[in-house]
Amino acid sequence: MENKPKSKPTSEKPNNQSDFGYVKYTGLAFEMLAFILLGVMGGYKLDEYLDMKNPIFTIILSLFGVVGSLVNLIRKLPKG
């Protein structure tokens, strides 16, 4: 009798899916960081350009960066 190799269980992930789920979430973290940093840097440069006494645009644009990053995060998380 021949010994046939056992077939792989069907519960394994297909080859096109990554075994490292954290890679996707690490990318999301870097995207969030980029949103916030762009808001802060843009606000800082705008305050500097307009010679503002108080950093109003830095505060406003950094808050927009935080909100934008959270919206981006919610849109990209799996639904379920």
C-alpha atoms as a PDB file:
ATOM      1  CA  MET A   1       0.000   0.000   0.000  1.00  0.00           C
ATOM      2  CA  GLU A   2       1.156   3.473  -0.776  1.00  0.00           C
ATOM      3  CA  ASN A   3       1.368   6.101   1.905  1.00  0.00           C
ATOM      4  CA  LYS A   4      -0.382   9.161   0.546  1.00  0.00           C
ATOM      5  CA  PRO A   5       0.469  12.497   2.133  1.00  0.00           C
ATOM      6  CA  LYS A   6      -2.279  13.890   4.277  1.00  0.00           C
ATOM      7  CA  SER A   7      -4.162  16.757   2.743  1.00  0.00           C
ATOM      8  CA  LYS A   8      -3.930  20.136   4.398  1.00  0.00           C
ATOM      9  CA  PRO A   9      -6.854  21.183   6.545  1.00  0.00           C
ATOM     10  CA  THR A  10      -9.221  23.605   4.842  1.00  0.00           C
ATOM     11  CA  SER A  11      -9.060  26.042   7.745  1.00  0.00           C
ATOM     12  CA  GLU A  12      -5.649  27.362   6.668  1.00  0.00           C
ATOM     13  CA  LYS A  13      -5.424  30.853   5.212  1.00  0.00           C
ATOM     14  CA  PRO A  14      -5.041  31.225   1.457  1.00  0.00           C
ATOM     15  CA  ASN A  15      -1.568  32.104   0.214  1.00  0.00           C
ATOM     16  CA  ASN A  16      -2.500  35.688  -0.661  1.00  0.00           C
ATOM     17  CA  GLN A  17      -3.347  36.611   2.941  1.00  0.00           C
ATOM     18  CA  SER A  18      -0.582  37.648   5.275  1.00  0.00           C
ATOM     19  CA  ASP A  19       0.037  35.621   8.398  1.00  0.00           C
ATOM     20  CA  PHE A  20       1.025  38.874  10.070  1.00  0.00           C
ATOM     21  CA  GLY A  21      -2.186  40.762  10.811  1.00  0.00           C
ATOM     22  CA  TYR A  22      -0.276  43.396  12.723  1.00  0.00           C
ATOM     23  CA  VAL A  23       1.309  44.697   9.504  1.00  0.00           C
ATOM     24  CA  LYS A  24      -2.006  46.198   8.389  1.00  0.00           C
ATOM     25  CA  TYR A  25      -2.552  47.899  11.743  1.00  0.00           C
ATOM     26  CA  THR A  26       1.010  49.199  11.843  1.00  0.00           C
ATOM     27  CA  GLY A  27       0.354  50.873   8.514  1.00  0.00           C
ATOM     28  CA  LEU A  28      -2.793  52.448   9.947  1.00  0.00           C
ATOM     29  CA  ALA A  29      -0.793  53.797  12.879  1.00  0.00           C
ATOM     30  CA  PHE A  30       1.698  55.429  10.520  1.00  0.00           C
ATOM     31  CA  GLU A  31      -1.155  56.932   8.505  1.00  0.00           C
ATOM     32  CA  MET A  32      -2.631  58.396  11.693  1.00  0.00           C
ATOM     33  CA  LEU A  33       0.747  59.821  12.629  1.00  0.00           C
ATOM     34  CA  ALA A  34       1.095  61.369   9.174  1.00  0.00           C
ATOM     35  CA  PHE A  35      -2.345  63.029   9.392  1.00  0.00           C
ATOM     36  CA  ILE A  36      -1.568  64.550  12.774  1.00  0.00           C
ATOM     37  CA  LEU A  37       1.964  65.657  11.868  1.00  0.00           C
ATOM     38  CA  LEU A  38       0.773  67.300   8.658  1.00  0.00           C
ATOM     39  CA  GLY A  39      -1.848  69.218  10.629  1.00  0.00           C
ATOM     40  CA  VAL A  40       0.638  70.365  13.248  1.00  0.00           C
ATOM     41  CA  MET A  41       3.338  71.316  10.757  1.00  0.00           C
ATOM     42  CA  GLY A  42       0.874  73.083   8.470  1.00  0.00           C
ATOM     43  CA  GLY A  43      -0.597  75.047  11.365  1.00  0.00           C
ATOM     44  CA  TYR A  44       2.836  75.960  12.661  1.00  0.00           C
ATOM     45  CA  LYS A  45       3.994  77.207   9.271  1.00  0.00           C
ATOM     46  CA  LEU A  46       0.764  79.179   8.807  1.00  0.00           C
ATOM     47  CA  ASP A  47       1.117  80.789  12.245  1.00  0.00           C
ATOM     48  CA  GLU A  48       4.732  81.602  11.462  1.00  0.00           C
ATOM     49  CA  TYR A  49       3.864  83.036   8.047  1.00  0.00           C
ATOM     50  CA  LEU A  50       1.057  85.226   9.440  1.00  0.00           C
ATOM     51  CA  ASP A  51       3.197  86.200  12.457  1.00  0.00           C
ATOM     52  CA  MET A  52       0.470  85.183  14.898  1.00  0.00           C
ATOM     53  CA  LYS A  53       0.938  85.925  18.592  1.00  0.00           C
ATOM     54  CA  ASN A  54      -1.026  82.814  19.657  1.00  0.00           C
ATOM     55  CA  PRO A  55      -0.724  79.475  17.815  1.00  0.00           C
ATOM     56  CA  ILE A  56      -4.372  79.406  16.722  1.00  0.00           C
ATOM     57  CA  PHE A  57      -3.808  77.643  13.383  1.00  0.00           C
ATOM     58  CA  THR A  58      -1.505  75.071  14.967  1.00  0.00           C
ATOM     59  CA  ILE A  59      -4.218  74.128  17.438  1.00  0.00           C
ATOM     60  CA  ILE A  60      -7.018  74.089  14.855  1.00  0.00           C
ATOM     61  CA  LEU A  61      -5.134  72.155  12.184  1.00  0.00           C
ATOM     62  CA  SER A  62      -3.755  69.651  14.694  1.00  0.00           C
ATOM     63  CA  LEU A  63      -7.312  68.955  15.870  1.00  0.00           C
ATOM     64  CA  PHE A  64      -8.380  68.530  12.239  1.00  0.00           C
ATOM     65  CA  GLY A  65      -5.490  66.096  11.835  1.00  0.00           C
ATOM     66  CA  VAL A  66      -6.643  64.054  14.825  1.00  0.00           C
ATOM     67  CA  VAL A  67     -10.252  63.983  13.602  1.00  0.00           C
ATOM     68  CA  GLY A  68      -9.144  63.108  10.071  1.00  0.00           C
ATOM     69  CA  SER A  69      -6.947  60.290  11.312  1.00  0.00           C
ATOM     70  CA  LEU A  70      -9.792  58.851  13.397  1.00  0.00           C
ATOM     71  CA  VAL A  71     -12.188  59.031  10.440  1.00  0.00           C
ATOM     72  CA  ASN A  72      -9.583  57.273   8.287  1.00  0.00           C
ATOM     73  CA  LEU A  73      -9.114  54.607  10.965  1.00  0.00           C
ATOM     74  CA  ILE A  74     -12.848  53.937  11.290  1.00  0.00           C
ATOM     75  CA  ARG A  75     -13.243  53.663   7.511  1.00  0.00           C
ATOM     76  CA  LYS A  76     -10.407  51.142   7.205  1.00  0.00           C
ATOM     77  CA  LEU A  77     -11.244  48.871  10.132  1.00  0.00           C
ATOM     78  CA  PRO A  78     -13.089  45.686   9.192  1.00  0.00           C
ATOM     79  CA  LYS A  79     -16.823  45.777   9.650  1.00  0.00           C
ATOM     80  CA  GLY A  80     -18.270  43.112  11.809  1.00  0.00           C
END
